[in-house]
Each structure stands twice: as structure tokens, then as C-alpha cells.
Amino acid sequence: MADWATYVVAPEDGTHEVYEARFGAVGIDHDLLAGPDVVLPAVRSRPRVDRWRGDWMCEAAALFDLRRRLLLFSASEGPVTQFRHRAVTLRAIAHAWPGWELRWTYDGPADLRRHLGLDPAAVRERDARVFPAPLLDPDDEEFGERDPLVTAVTVGDRRCHLLAAINDHPVAEGPALLDRLADAHDHGRCTVAAEAGLHVDPVGRRVGWWTLSAVPEAAEMGGRWPGWTVEWWQDRWQEHARAAPGRLVPPRVDPEQARAELREGAMEHWSQRPGDPWCGWLQAAVSDAVAARVVPTFDSW
């Protein structure tokens, strides 16, 4: 993958401009922390294209609606997709874009096209196949990571299975997921900072699921479970915790530490990405804007 990012600027005249950047998906949330006075000129310095990259190749997307002052964006990695950093990152971006509505989009470039009244099917690249997420063994090294790629799947009030948060979200498997988990290791509960989750109530034939990342066709996942009631919790992992008491117990987040780590990560991102002049340019633009008091400083979050 080349970490492609798609950016769309929608001016007040009803038109739209599409830009893209190879490796632009790496740190798009850090970029957005600079605010509109820095980000919009920076986006327009990127290559302008007359096509939309498909949702399989596009790993981050952002739309800037200048008339509505609306920012839509999504990413597949970075602090905004991490349990311990998501809340502080969204608050910091909202603070950097005063007067703008910030909206996370789960369907990547397809949601951007919907906002513009364009056909989302034009960016669909995948066929109907589902790529199941691998099951994790109790001693998997992923559990030692601070931001583990883990999806927690609870079944009824007794079982908790942990899957790698790669490939498709388990909700995409439909009821066949239950057969796959029938003889899988029961972890009892999830105490790591999962980035996605799913709760299945086989008796009530109900499903609830959430994610901190983007999931193509997220709103259509109910169709994968015919005859079941499927509730999409978006990023509200608390709903999962309530549905499966004692089974999803994530670690406590220290907001001050998360904010300090976000600040450090942003400064490193802007100044040290090898081979990409974007970050050095952005760092200089941020420094100038802060000096001129055009954008908020980190200390004002």
C-alpha cells in the first residue's frame, strides 16, 4: 500500500476540487491539527486530479466544505484511531477549526461523494468476498503493544474472543462468524485497548458493533445478518461494555498524558518524515501561523 489520501475542497460556488497524496494518509490527523489557515493552502499545493481513488487504495480522506464550514474526514491509522488518543485528538482538531463542524466519516471517499451528491459506487473496488480477521492466541505478541490491533468479540454473557484488527471487521462475516468461533479460545474478557468490537446475542438474535477506524459500507452491514437486529454503535465502545458486562474492560485513559503524546507526535510528524517536503513546509507554516496568532497553540487545547 502507498498510504494514499484523498482531499476534496468544495468552494462556495458548488464546485469541488480533488487532490491526492501518496503517503498522505500517514498522519492526516496530525496535519489537521494545524487548522484551516494552514491546511487549506497546503491541500491546494498537492497534485490536483480528475479522478477519485477507490476505497480499497484510499486509506484516508478529508473534505473541506467552505460554504457549510464542514470538515469530514477518516483515517485507517494514527492517533485518531487509537483508543487512548481518539477523544483528545478529535477535541484538538475541533479546537483548531473554530466555527467548523467536525464529522468523522466511516465510509471514506464514498461518504465524501455522498456529501457532494455523487454516486458512492464509483469508488467501490472490492468484490463481495469477506476476508476474516485472524484469531489471536493468548500469548500473541500483539497484546504487548500500547495500541494493539485487536477486535473484541463477545458472544452472549459468557464468551470473549480476541481477533486481529486487520482484514474485514468481524461483523462483515454475518452469522457464519459464530461457527468460526465455536471452538476458538475463550479469552474471558478483553482488557487491552481494542480498536473495534462486536457483541452477539444468539438468543435474542441481536448484534451490536463499533470501530475507531473506517469500514467501507459500514451502514449496510445489517444486510450481512438476515433475520437479526443489527445496531451500529459507530465509535461508542461503551455500548459494547454495557451489553457485555465485565467482558470489555479497556485500560483507563489519562487525558493529560494522551494530550502530551499527541503534541509530541504532531511535532515529530511535521518535522521528520523522510523524503516528503510537505512536513517541513507544514511545520514552518504552523510556526508562522502560531507566531501571528492565526491558529491555536498546543497549550490552548
Protein backbone atom coordinates (compact mmCIF):
# COMPACT_ATOMS: atom_id res chain seq x y z
CA MET A 1 0.00 0.00 0.00
CA ALA A 2 1.11 3.56 -0.66
CA ASP A 3 -0.97 5.22 2.09
CA TRP A 4 -2.95 7.26 -0.41
CA ALA A 5 -5.02 10.17 0.90
CA THR A 6 -7.79 11.94 -0.98
CA TYR A 7 -8.63 15.57 -0.22
CA VAL A 8 -11.68 17.38 -1.58
CA VAL A 9 -12.22 21.13 -1.36
CA ALA A 10 -15.80 22.28 -2.01
CA PRO A 11 -15.79 26.05 -2.63
CA GLU A 12 -18.85 28.22 -2.07
CA ASP A 13 -19.79 28.14 -5.77
CA GLY A 14 -20.91 24.49 -5.59
CA THR A 15 -17.95 23.01 -7.45
CA HIS A 16 -15.35 20.70 -5.96
CA GLU A 17 -11.63 20.12 -6.34
CA VAL A 18 -9.96 16.75 -5.78
CA TYR A 19 -6.36 16.41 -4.62
CA GLU A 20 -4.39 13.38 -3.54
CA ALA A 21 -1.08 12.49 -1.92
CA ARG A 22 0.93 9.32 -1.77
CA PHE A 23 1.77 8.66 1.90
CA GLY A 24 -0.70 11.43 2.79
CA ALA A 25 -2.68 9.01 4.96
CA VAL A 26 0.23 8.81 7.40
CA GLY A 27 -0.56 11.46 9.98
CA ILE A 28 -3.56 13.12 8.36
CA ASP A 29 -4.93 13.72 11.86
CA HIS A 30 -1.67 15.45 12.82
CA ASP A 31 -1.94 17.60 9.69
CA LEU A 32 -5.47 18.71 10.58
CA LEU A 33 -4.25 19.99 13.95
CA ALA A 34 -2.76 22.97 12.10
CA GLY A 35 -6.22 24.42 11.39
CA PRO A 36 -7.79 25.80 8.20
CA ASP A 37 -5.42 28.75 7.66
CA VAL A 38 -2.54 26.32 7.23
CA VAL A 39 -4.24 23.16 5.99
CA LEU A 40 -6.33 24.57 3.12
CA PRO A 41 -3.40 26.22 1.30
CA ALA A 42 -1.35 23.10 1.97
CA VAL A 43 -4.00 20.82 0.46
CA ARG A 44 -4.23 23.01 -2.61
CA SER A 45 -0.46 22.67 -3.03
CA ARG A 46 -0.94 18.93 -3.52
CA PRO A 47 -1.42 17.44 -7.01
CA ARG A 48 -4.93 18.08 -8.32
CA VAL A 49 -6.53 15.11 -10.04
CA ASP A 50 -9.63 14.46 -12.12
CA ARG A 51 -10.32 11.02 -10.65
CA TRP A 52 -11.23 9.52 -7.30
CA ARG A 53 -9.06 6.78 -5.86
CA GLY A 54 -11.08 3.73 -4.78
CA ASP A 55 -11.87 2.90 -1.18
CA TRP A 56 -9.51 -0.09 -1.10
CA MET A 57 -6.49 2.04 -2.01
CA CYS A 58 -7.54 5.25 -0.25
CA GLU A 59 -6.53 4.96 3.42
CA ALA A 60 -7.51 8.48 4.50
CA ALA A 61 -9.92 11.05 3.15
CA ALA A 62 -10.93 14.61 4.00
CA LEU A 63 -13.49 17.00 2.58
CA PHE A 64 -13.50 20.73 3.31
CA ASP A 65 -16.90 22.30 2.59
CA LEU A 66 -16.15 26.03 2.60
CA ARG A 67 -19.80 27.13 2.35
CA ARG A 68 -21.06 24.99 5.23
CA ARG A 69 -17.75 25.18 7.12
CA LEU A 70 -17.84 21.43 7.47
CA LEU A 71 -14.84 19.11 7.77
CA LEU A 72 -15.42 15.43 7.00
CA PHE A 73 -12.52 13.06 7.44
CA SER A 74 -11.49 9.48 8.10
CA ALA A 75 -8.27 7.55 8.57
CA SER A 76 -7.19 3.95 8.91
CA GLU A 77 -4.30 4.64 11.28
CA GLY A 78 -2.89 7.32 13.54
CA PRO A 79 -3.87 8.67 16.97
CA VAL A 80 -7.47 9.28 15.96
CA THR A 81 -7.89 5.50 15.51
CA GLN A 82 -6.18 4.63 18.81
CA PHE A 83 -8.24 4.03 21.94
CA ARG A 84 -6.05 6.14 24.21
CA HIS A 85 -5.74 9.08 21.81
CA ARG A 86 -9.03 9.25 19.90
CA ALA A 87 -11.02 11.53 22.19
CA VAL A 88 -8.22 14.05 22.76
CA THR A 89 -7.36 14.07 19.04
CA LEU A 90 -10.92 14.85 17.97
CA ARG A 91 -11.19 17.58 20.60
CA ALA A 92 -7.87 19.09 19.50
CA ILE A 93 -8.86 19.12 15.82
CA ALA A 94 -12.23 20.69 16.67
CA HIS A 95 -10.39 23.35 18.68
CA ALA A 96 -8.08 24.05 15.72
CA TRP A 97 -11.09 24.55 13.41
CA PRO A 98 -13.25 27.08 15.33
CA GLY A 99 -16.62 27.72 13.72
CA TRP A 100 -16.39 24.49 11.71
CA GLU A 101 -18.41 21.32 12.21
CA LEU A 102 -16.14 18.30 12.53
CA ARG A 103 -17.58 14.98 11.38
CA TRP A 104 -15.85 11.61 11.27
CA THR A 105 -16.81 9.57 8.23
CA TYR A 106 -16.75 5.78 8.39
CA ASP A 107 -17.09 5.08 4.66
CA GLY A 108 -14.04 7.01 3.46
CA PRO A 109 -14.23 8.54 -0.04
CA ALA A 110 -17.72 7.09 -0.56
CA ASP A 111 -19.10 9.33 2.20
CA LEU A 112 -17.33 12.32 0.67
CA ARG A 113 -19.03 11.61 -2.65
CA ARG A 114 -22.41 11.27 -0.93
CA HIS A 115 -21.94 14.69 0.62
CA LEU A 116 -21.38 16.14 -2.85
CA GLY A 117 -24.39 14.33 -4.35
CA LEU A 118 -22.15 11.96 -6.33
CA ASP A 119 -22.53 8.19 -6.70
CA PRO A 120 -20.54 6.39 -3.95
CA ALA A 121 -20.42 3.23 -6.08
CA ALA A 122 -17.80 4.89 -8.28
CA VAL A 123 -15.15 4.33 -5.57
CA ARG A 124 -16.06 0.76 -4.66
CA GLU A 125 -13.13 -1.51 -5.51
CA ARG A 126 -13.85 -4.71 -3.62
CA ASP A 127 -15.99 -7.63 -4.61
CA ALA A 128 -18.35 -9.39 -2.24
CA ARG A 129 -15.67 -11.59 -0.67
CA VAL A 130 -15.03 -11.30 3.05
CA PHE A 131 -11.51 -11.58 4.46
CA PRO A 132 -11.89 -12.88 8.03
CA ALA A 133 -9.74 -11.39 10.79
CA PRO A 134 -7.35 -13.96 12.29
CA LEU A 135 -7.98 -15.31 15.78
CA LEU A 136 -5.35 -14.38 18.37
CA ASP A 137 -3.73 -16.87 20.73
CA PRO A 138 -3.42 -15.93 24.43
CA ASP A 139 0.33 -15.38 24.08
CA ASP A 140 0.20 -13.36 20.87
CA GLU A 141 2.79 -10.56 20.89
CA GLU A 142 0.10 -8.08 19.80
CA PHE A 143 -1.11 -7.92 23.40
CA GLY A 144 2.19 -6.33 24.41
CA GLU A 145 1.64 -3.28 22.17
CA ARG A 146 0.38 0.00 23.65
CA ASP A 147 -2.03 0.34 20.72
CA PRO A 148 -2.79 -3.28 19.83
CA LEU A 149 -4.56 -4.14 16.61
CA VAL A 150 -7.29 -6.07 18.39
CA THR A 151 -11.01 -6.55 17.87
CA ALA A 152 -13.02 -7.82 20.83
CA VAL A 153 -15.91 -10.18 20.04
CA THR A 154 -18.25 -11.17 22.87
CA VAL A 155 -20.88 -13.86 22.48
CA GLY A 156 -23.77 -13.91 24.92
CA ASP A 157 -22.81 -13.28 28.54
CA ARG A 158 -20.01 -15.83 28.79
CA ARG A 159 -17.50 -15.73 25.95
CA CYS A 160 -14.93 -13.21 24.69
CA HIS A 161 -12.77 -13.84 21.65
CA LEU A 162 -9.94 -11.58 20.51
CA LEU A 163 -9.18 -11.18 16.82
CA ALA A 164 -6.54 -9.24 14.95
CA ALA A 165 -7.91 -5.87 13.78
CA ILE A 166 -6.81 -6.50 10.20
CA ASN A 167 -8.78 -7.58 7.15
CA ASP A 168 -12.55 -7.13 7.46
CA HIS A 169 -14.39 -6.26 10.64
CA PRO A 170 -15.96 -9.47 12.01
CA VAL A 171 -19.45 -8.02 11.56
CA ALA A 172 -18.94 -8.49 7.81
CA GLU A 173 -18.90 -12.28 8.27
CA GLY A 174 -22.54 -12.47 9.31
CA PRO A 175 -23.83 -15.46 11.33
CA ALA A 176 -21.04 -17.62 9.88
CA LEU A 177 -18.79 -15.91 12.43
CA LEU A 178 -20.44 -17.95 15.21
CA ASP A 179 -19.42 -21.20 13.54
CA ARG A 180 -15.84 -19.98 13.23
CA LEU A 181 -15.74 -19.05 16.91
CA ALA A 182 -17.42 -22.21 18.20
CA ASP A 183 -14.13 -23.95 19.05
CA ALA A 184 -11.96 -20.83 19.35
CA HIS A 185 -10.07 -19.95 22.52
CA ASP A 186 -12.19 -18.03 25.03
CA HIS A 187 -10.11 -15.15 26.43
CA GLY A 188 -12.75 -14.49 29.11
CA ARG A 189 -12.54 -10.74 28.77
CA CYS A 190 -10.71 -8.02 26.86
CA THR A 191 -8.51 -5.77 28.99
CA VAL A 192 -6.41 -4.26 26.21
CA ALA A 193 -7.19 -1.08 24.27
CA ALA A 194 -9.10 -2.68 21.41
CA GLU A 195 -9.80 -0.53 18.36
CA ALA A 196 -13.01 -2.35 17.37
CA GLY A 197 -15.60 -4.65 18.84
CA LEU A 198 -18.69 -6.77 18.26
CA HIS A 199 -21.30 -8.22 20.61
CA VAL A 200 -23.53 -11.09 19.52
CA ASP A 201 -26.63 -12.15 21.44
CA PRO A 202 -27.55 -15.52 19.88
CA VAL A 203 -30.71 -15.89 21.98
CA GLY A 204 -32.17 -12.51 21.15
CA ARG A 205 -30.61 -12.58 17.66
CA ARG A 206 -29.14 -9.15 18.18
CA VAL A 207 -25.78 -7.72 17.15
CA GLY A 208 -24.02 -4.50 18.13
CA TRP A 209 -20.69 -3.38 16.73
CA TRP A 210 -18.26 -0.43 16.79
CA THR A 211 -14.95 0.70 15.35
CA LEU A 212 -12.47 3.55 15.71
CA SER A 213 -11.44 3.24 12.08
CA ALA A 214 -13.12 3.43 8.70
CA VAL A 215 -15.17 0.47 7.43
CA PRO A 216 -16.37 0.54 3.81
CA GLU A 217 -20.15 0.14 3.55
CA ALA A 218 -20.47 0.35 7.35
CA ALA A 219 -24.10 1.45 7.21
CA GLU A 220 -25.01 -1.61 5.13
CA MET A 221 -23.61 -4.25 7.48
CA GLY A 222 -27.08 -5.10 8.78
CA GLY A 223 -27.70 -6.87 5.49
CA ARG A 224 -24.99 -9.40 6.38
CA TRP A 225 -27.17 -10.67 9.26
CA PRO A 226 -30.59 -11.50 7.74
CA GLY A 227 -33.24 -12.02 10.42
CA TRP A 228 -31.07 -10.38 13.10
CA THR A 229 -31.32 -6.92 14.65
CA VAL A 230 -28.04 -5.14 13.99
CA GLU A 231 -27.11 -1.93 15.79
CA TRP A 232 -24.14 0.10 14.62
CA TRP A 233 -22.57 1.88 17.59
CA GLN A 234 -20.07 3.84 15.43
CA ASP A 235 -17.19 4.54 17.89
CA ARG A 236 -19.24 4.16 21.08
CA TRP A 237 -17.39 1.26 22.70
CA GLN A 238 -19.27 2.00 25.93
CA GLU A 239 -22.37 0.42 24.36
CA HIS A 240 -20.42 -2.81 23.99
CA ALA A 241 -19.25 -2.65 27.59
CA ARG A 242 -22.86 -2.28 28.75
CA ALA A 243 -24.07 -5.12 26.54
CA ALA A 244 -21.38 -7.49 27.82
CA PRO A 245 -20.76 -6.58 31.48
CA GLY A 246 -17.27 -7.49 32.64
CA ARG A 247 -16.19 -8.74 29.21
CA LEU A 248 -14.88 -5.49 27.70
CA VAL A 249 -12.71 -3.72 30.29
CA PRO A 250 -10.33 -1.33 28.49
CA PRO A 251 -7.50 0.37 30.36
CA ARG A 252 -8.10 3.81 31.84
CA VAL A 253 -7.02 6.73 29.64
CA ASP A 254 -5.04 9.59 31.19
CA PRO A 255 -6.19 12.68 29.21
CA GLU A 256 -3.16 14.78 30.16
CA GLN A 257 -0.74 12.08 29.09
CA ALA A 258 -2.70 11.50 25.88
CA ARG A 259 -2.56 15.21 25.07
CA ALA A 260 1.20 15.36 25.70
CA GLU A 261 1.76 12.33 23.48
CA LEU A 262 -0.39 13.84 20.75
CA ARG A 263 1.62 17.07 20.89
CA GLU A 264 4.89 15.17 20.69
CA GLY A 265 3.66 13.02 17.82
CA ALA A 266 2.49 16.03 15.83
CA MET A 267 5.80 17.84 16.15
CA GLU A 268 7.69 14.71 15.11
CA HIS A 269 5.36 14.16 12.17
CA TRP A 270 5.72 17.70 10.86
CA SER A 271 9.50 17.72 11.01
CA GLN A 272 10.84 14.24 10.43
CA ARG A 273 9.05 12.43 7.63
CA PRO A 274 11.92 11.50 5.26
CA GLY A 275 11.63 12.44 1.62
CA ASP A 276 8.42 14.44 1.92
CA PRO A 277 8.81 18.23 1.82
CA TRP A 278 5.16 18.52 2.96
CA CYS A 279 6.05 18.05 6.63
CA GLY A 280 8.84 20.61 6.68
CA TRP A 281 6.63 23.08 4.83
CA LEU A 282 3.77 22.40 7.22
CA GLN A 283 5.97 22.84 10.28
CA ALA A 284 7.18 26.23 9.01
CA ALA A 285 3.62 27.28 8.18
CA VAL A 286 2.39 26.25 11.62
CA SER A 287 5.22 28.13 13.32
CA ASP A 288 4.45 31.28 11.33
CA ALA A 289 0.72 30.96 11.99
CA VAL A 290 1.21 30.45 15.71
CA ALA A 291 3.58 33.43 15.85
CA ALA A 292 0.93 35.53 14.12
CA ARG A 293 -1.73 34.09 16.45
CA VAL A 294 -3.69 32.81 13.46
CA VAL A 295 -4.02 29.24 14.77
CA PRO A 296 -4.29 27.99 18.36
CA THR A 297 -1.18 26.70 20.10
CA PHE A 298 -0.99 23.28 21.67
CA ASP A 299 -1.06 24.87 25.10
CA SER A 300 -4.54 26.24 24.45
CA TRP A 301 -6.18 22.85 23.88
